[in-house]
Amino acid sequence: MCFSAEVSFGASAVISTVGVLAIRKSTEKEQLFFAMVPLLFGIQQFFEGWLWVALENDGHHTLETIATFGFLLFAQLIWPVWVPLSAFTMEKHRKRKRWMGFALAIGIALSLLLGYRMLFYPVTAHIDQQHIYYTVGHFQSTNWWSGIFYLLPAVFPFVFSSRRTINYLGILMLLLFVVAKIFYLKYMISTWCLFAALLSVYIFFILKQEEV
């Protein structure tokens, strides 16, 4: 599979549209954070689309910097907090809600740590074998253990939700995370976010089903 500006822009257009529809389908205020997930993924893919453009054409250093930080802002700061927050606000089961609160606390701490790294270490992105390879300082995404703490807030709150449809979403996200680790380890940040973005379309159908 080869990624490109066309893939990112196309995914952004489709996912953002579904995101707007998902927000309109949310009938309870507790669903709003969850309903906004596809739209936010669409914005993130929009940033990566422009990053492809900047990297494939010389003389676009400002655009490259904005697009790189825009994409990583979602990948490393927003998702570790947004996912557990969206699951926490919807959860009705008291014990599961406590676990999601714990995941949210981990997500906030992780987001602060990753934000510190982005502020004080060099951030780069370049095209390597038709994928975008992101680096933040000397930290690598090519270690298996590097995603463990990310999974705790960014995936498991959906896996352990008391709503079965959200369980399915979490399990699929977990499986795609493993696929990205196995087949796209070096490009984990980019591929995982694209896979999760495409999967987030399922959120619209979850909300549509709950509306009935």
Protein backbone atom coordinates (compact mmCIF):
# COMPACT_ATOMS: atom_id res chain seq x y z
CA MET A 1 0.00 0.00 0.00
CA CYS A 2 1.39 3.41 -0.95
CA PHE A 3 0.13 6.62 0.59
CA SER A 4 0.08 10.02 -1.08
CA ALA A 5 -1.39 13.50 -0.96
CA GLU A 6 -4.37 12.24 -2.95
CA VAL A 7 -5.03 9.49 -0.38
CA SER A 8 -4.82 11.93 2.53
CA PHE A 9 -6.98 14.61 0.90
CA GLY A 10 -9.51 12.03 -0.28
CA ALA A 11 -9.71 10.45 3.17
CA SER A 12 -10.03 13.91 4.72
CA ALA A 13 -12.97 14.86 2.49
CA VAL A 14 -14.89 11.64 3.10
CA ILE A 15 -14.18 11.35 6.82
CA SER A 16 -14.90 15.03 7.51
CA THR A 17 -18.25 14.74 5.74
CA VAL A 18 -19.13 11.66 7.75
CA GLY A 19 -17.97 13.52 10.86
CA VAL A 20 -20.42 16.36 10.26
CA LEU A 21 -23.21 13.81 9.75
CA ALA A 22 -22.18 12.00 12.93
CA ILE A 23 -22.39 15.22 14.94
CA ARG A 24 -25.88 15.80 13.56
CA LYS A 25 -26.82 12.25 14.58
CA SER A 26 -25.73 12.75 18.18
CA THR A 27 -28.90 13.20 20.20
CA GLU A 28 -27.33 13.55 23.65
CA LYS A 29 -24.69 16.01 24.83
CA GLU A 30 -22.71 13.07 26.24
CA GLN A 31 -22.24 11.80 22.67
CA LEU A 32 -20.69 15.00 21.30
CA PHE A 33 -17.01 14.20 21.96
CA PHE A 34 -17.51 10.74 20.46
CA ALA A 35 -19.38 12.11 17.45
CA MET A 36 -16.60 14.62 16.74
CA VAL A 37 -13.92 11.92 16.34
CA PRO A 38 -14.35 11.44 12.54
CA LEU A 39 -14.30 15.20 11.92
CA LEU A 40 -11.08 15.59 13.90
CA PHE A 41 -9.52 12.68 12.02
CA GLY A 42 -10.55 14.41 8.79
CA ILE A 43 -8.75 17.59 9.85
CA GLN A 44 -5.67 15.55 10.77
CA GLN A 45 -5.59 13.88 7.36
CA PHE A 46 -5.97 17.33 5.77
CA PHE A 47 -2.75 18.39 7.50
CA GLU A 48 -0.95 15.29 6.24
CA GLY A 49 -2.21 15.93 2.72
CA TRP A 50 -0.54 19.34 2.75
CA LEU A 51 2.57 17.79 4.27
CA TRP A 52 2.80 15.48 1.27
CA VAL A 53 2.53 18.52 -1.00
CA ALA A 54 5.27 20.37 0.90
CA LEU A 55 7.63 17.38 0.98
CA GLU A 56 7.18 16.62 -2.71
CA ASN A 57 7.89 20.21 -3.77
CA ASP A 58 10.91 22.33 -2.88
CA GLY A 59 10.62 25.70 -1.18
CA HIS A 60 7.62 25.04 1.06
CA HIS A 61 9.40 24.97 4.42
CA THR A 62 6.77 27.00 6.28
CA LEU A 63 3.96 24.80 5.00
CA GLU A 64 6.00 21.71 5.88
CA THR A 65 6.48 22.91 9.47
CA ILE A 66 2.82 23.87 9.95
CA ALA A 67 1.57 20.60 8.44
CA THR A 68 4.01 18.47 10.43
CA PHE A 69 3.09 20.03 13.76
CA GLY A 70 -0.59 20.08 12.80
CA PHE A 71 -0.60 16.34 12.16
CA LEU A 72 1.44 15.49 15.27
CA LEU A 73 -0.74 17.76 17.40
CA PHE A 74 -3.57 15.31 16.82
CA ALA A 75 -1.47 12.14 16.91
CA GLN A 76 0.42 12.86 20.11
CA LEU A 77 -1.54 15.47 22.07
CA ILE A 78 -5.23 15.27 21.17
CA TRP A 79 -5.99 11.55 20.73
CA PRO A 80 -4.55 10.32 24.06
CA VAL A 81 -6.99 12.70 25.78
CA TRP A 82 -9.94 12.84 23.39
CA VAL A 83 -10.58 9.09 23.14
CA PRO A 84 -10.81 8.39 26.90
CA LEU A 85 -12.74 11.63 27.42
CA SER A 86 -15.33 10.65 24.80
CA ALA A 87 -15.69 7.17 26.31
CA PHE A 88 -15.84 8.57 29.86
CA THR A 89 -18.63 11.05 29.10
CA MET A 90 -20.83 8.35 27.52
CA GLU A 91 -20.20 5.55 30.01
CA LYS A 92 -23.08 4.71 32.37
CA HIS A 93 -21.51 1.74 34.18
CA ARG A 94 -19.90 3.12 37.36
CA LYS A 95 -16.94 0.73 37.60
CA ARG A 96 -16.09 1.00 33.91
CA LYS A 97 -16.37 4.78 34.16
CA ARG A 98 -13.74 4.76 36.92
CA TRP A 99 -11.39 2.76 34.69
CA MET A 100 -11.96 5.24 31.88
CA GLY A 101 -11.21 8.08 34.26
CA PHE A 102 -7.93 6.33 35.04
CA ALA A 103 -7.21 6.01 31.30
CA LEU A 104 -8.01 9.71 30.88
CA ALA A 105 -5.49 10.60 33.60
CA ILE A 106 -2.85 8.52 31.82
CA GLY A 107 -3.77 10.19 28.54
CA ILE A 108 -3.35 13.68 30.00
CA ALA A 109 0.05 12.75 31.44
CA LEU A 110 1.12 11.18 28.13
CA SER A 111 -0.07 14.20 26.19
CA LEU A 112 1.96 16.52 28.42
CA LEU A 113 5.04 14.34 27.99
CA LEU A 114 4.70 14.15 24.22
CA GLY A 115 3.97 17.87 24.06
CA TYR A 116 7.18 18.55 26.00
CA ARG A 117 9.10 16.45 23.48
CA MET A 118 7.59 18.33 20.54
CA LEU A 119 8.52 21.67 22.11
CA PHE A 120 12.10 20.92 23.09
CA TYR A 121 13.32 18.34 20.57
CA PRO A 122 13.72 18.62 16.79
CA VAL A 123 10.62 17.52 14.88
CA THR A 124 11.06 16.28 11.31
CA ALA A 125 9.11 14.48 8.61
CA HIS A 126 10.30 13.06 5.31
CA ILE A 127 9.07 10.71 2.61
CA ASP A 128 10.55 7.22 2.76
CA GLN A 129 9.29 4.45 0.44
CA GLN A 130 5.98 6.18 -0.26
CA HIS A 131 5.26 6.78 3.43
CA ILE A 132 5.87 9.71 5.74
CA TYR A 133 8.39 9.02 8.48
CA TYR A 134 8.07 11.30 11.53
CA THR A 135 10.78 11.78 14.13
CA VAL A 136 10.79 13.76 17.37
CA GLY A 137 14.37 14.15 18.60
CA HIS A 138 16.10 10.80 19.01
CA PHE A 139 12.87 9.04 19.99
CA GLN A 140 11.86 6.23 17.66
CA SER A 141 8.48 4.65 16.86
CA THR A 142 10.19 1.44 15.73
CA ASN A 143 10.18 -0.24 19.15
CA TRP A 144 7.33 -2.59 20.00
CA TRP A 145 7.05 -1.26 23.52
CA SER A 146 6.66 2.34 22.33
CA GLY A 147 2.92 1.95 21.71
CA ILE A 148 1.92 0.26 24.97
CA PHE A 149 1.27 3.43 26.97
CA TYR A 150 -0.38 5.01 23.93
CA LEU A 151 -2.87 2.13 23.67
CA LEU A 152 -4.02 2.53 27.27
CA PRO A 153 -5.75 5.89 26.71
CA ALA A 154 -6.16 5.90 22.91
CA VAL A 155 -7.75 2.48 22.32
CA PHE A 156 -8.67 0.52 25.45
CA PRO A 157 -11.44 2.88 26.67
CA PHE A 158 -13.43 1.84 23.58
CA VAL A 159 -12.53 -1.84 24.08
CA PHE A 160 -13.90 -1.82 27.63
CA SER A 161 -16.99 0.29 27.02
CA SER A 162 -20.27 -1.19 28.27
CA ARG A 163 -21.75 -0.57 24.80
CA ARG A 164 -21.14 -3.51 22.48
CA THR A 165 -20.98 -1.46 19.28
CA ILE A 166 -18.22 0.68 20.78
CA ASN A 167 -16.47 -2.53 21.91
CA TYR A 168 -16.34 -3.62 18.28
CA LEU A 169 -14.83 -0.27 17.29
CA GLY A 170 -12.16 -0.60 19.99
CA ILE A 171 -11.29 -4.17 19.01
CA LEU A 172 -10.97 -3.20 15.35
CA MET A 173 -8.75 -0.25 16.30
CA LEU A 174 -6.58 -2.60 18.36
CA LEU A 175 -6.27 -5.09 15.49
CA LEU A 176 -5.31 -2.32 13.05
CA PHE A 177 -2.75 -1.08 15.55
CA VAL A 178 -1.15 -4.54 15.52
CA VAL A 179 -1.28 -4.60 11.70
CA ALA A 180 0.46 -1.22 11.56
CA LYS A 181 3.10 -2.43 14.04
CA ILE A 182 3.79 -5.58 12.02
CA PHE A 183 3.75 -4.22 8.47
CA TYR A 184 4.48 -0.49 8.86
CA LEU A 185 6.58 -0.31 12.03
CA LYS A 186 8.85 2.47 10.81
CA TYR A 187 5.88 4.54 9.65
CA MET A 188 3.66 3.71 12.60
CA ILE A 189 2.45 7.24 13.36
CA SER A 190 1.26 7.94 9.83
CA THR A 191 -0.25 4.54 8.99
CA TRP A 192 -1.98 4.02 12.33
CA CYS A 193 -3.66 7.41 12.16
CA LEU A 194 -4.87 6.75 8.60
CA PHE A 195 -6.25 3.32 9.55
CA ALA A 196 -7.99 4.72 12.63
CA ALA A 197 -9.33 7.65 10.60
CA LEU A 198 -10.93 5.35 8.04
CA LEU A 199 -12.31 3.16 10.82
CA SER A 200 -13.84 6.19 12.56
CA VAL A 201 -16.52 6.27 9.84
CA TYR A 202 -18.10 3.43 11.83
CA ILE A 203 -18.97 5.97 14.54
CA PHE A 204 -21.68 7.43 12.32
CA PHE A 205 -23.37 4.02 12.11
CA ILE A 206 -23.06 3.52 15.87
CA LEU A 207 -24.88 6.80 16.49
CA LYS A 208 -27.42 6.06 13.78
CA GLN A 209 -28.20 2.70 15.37
CA GLU A 210 -28.63 4.28 18.82
CA GLU A 211 -30.99 6.87 17.33
CA VAL A 212 -33.46 4.16 16.28
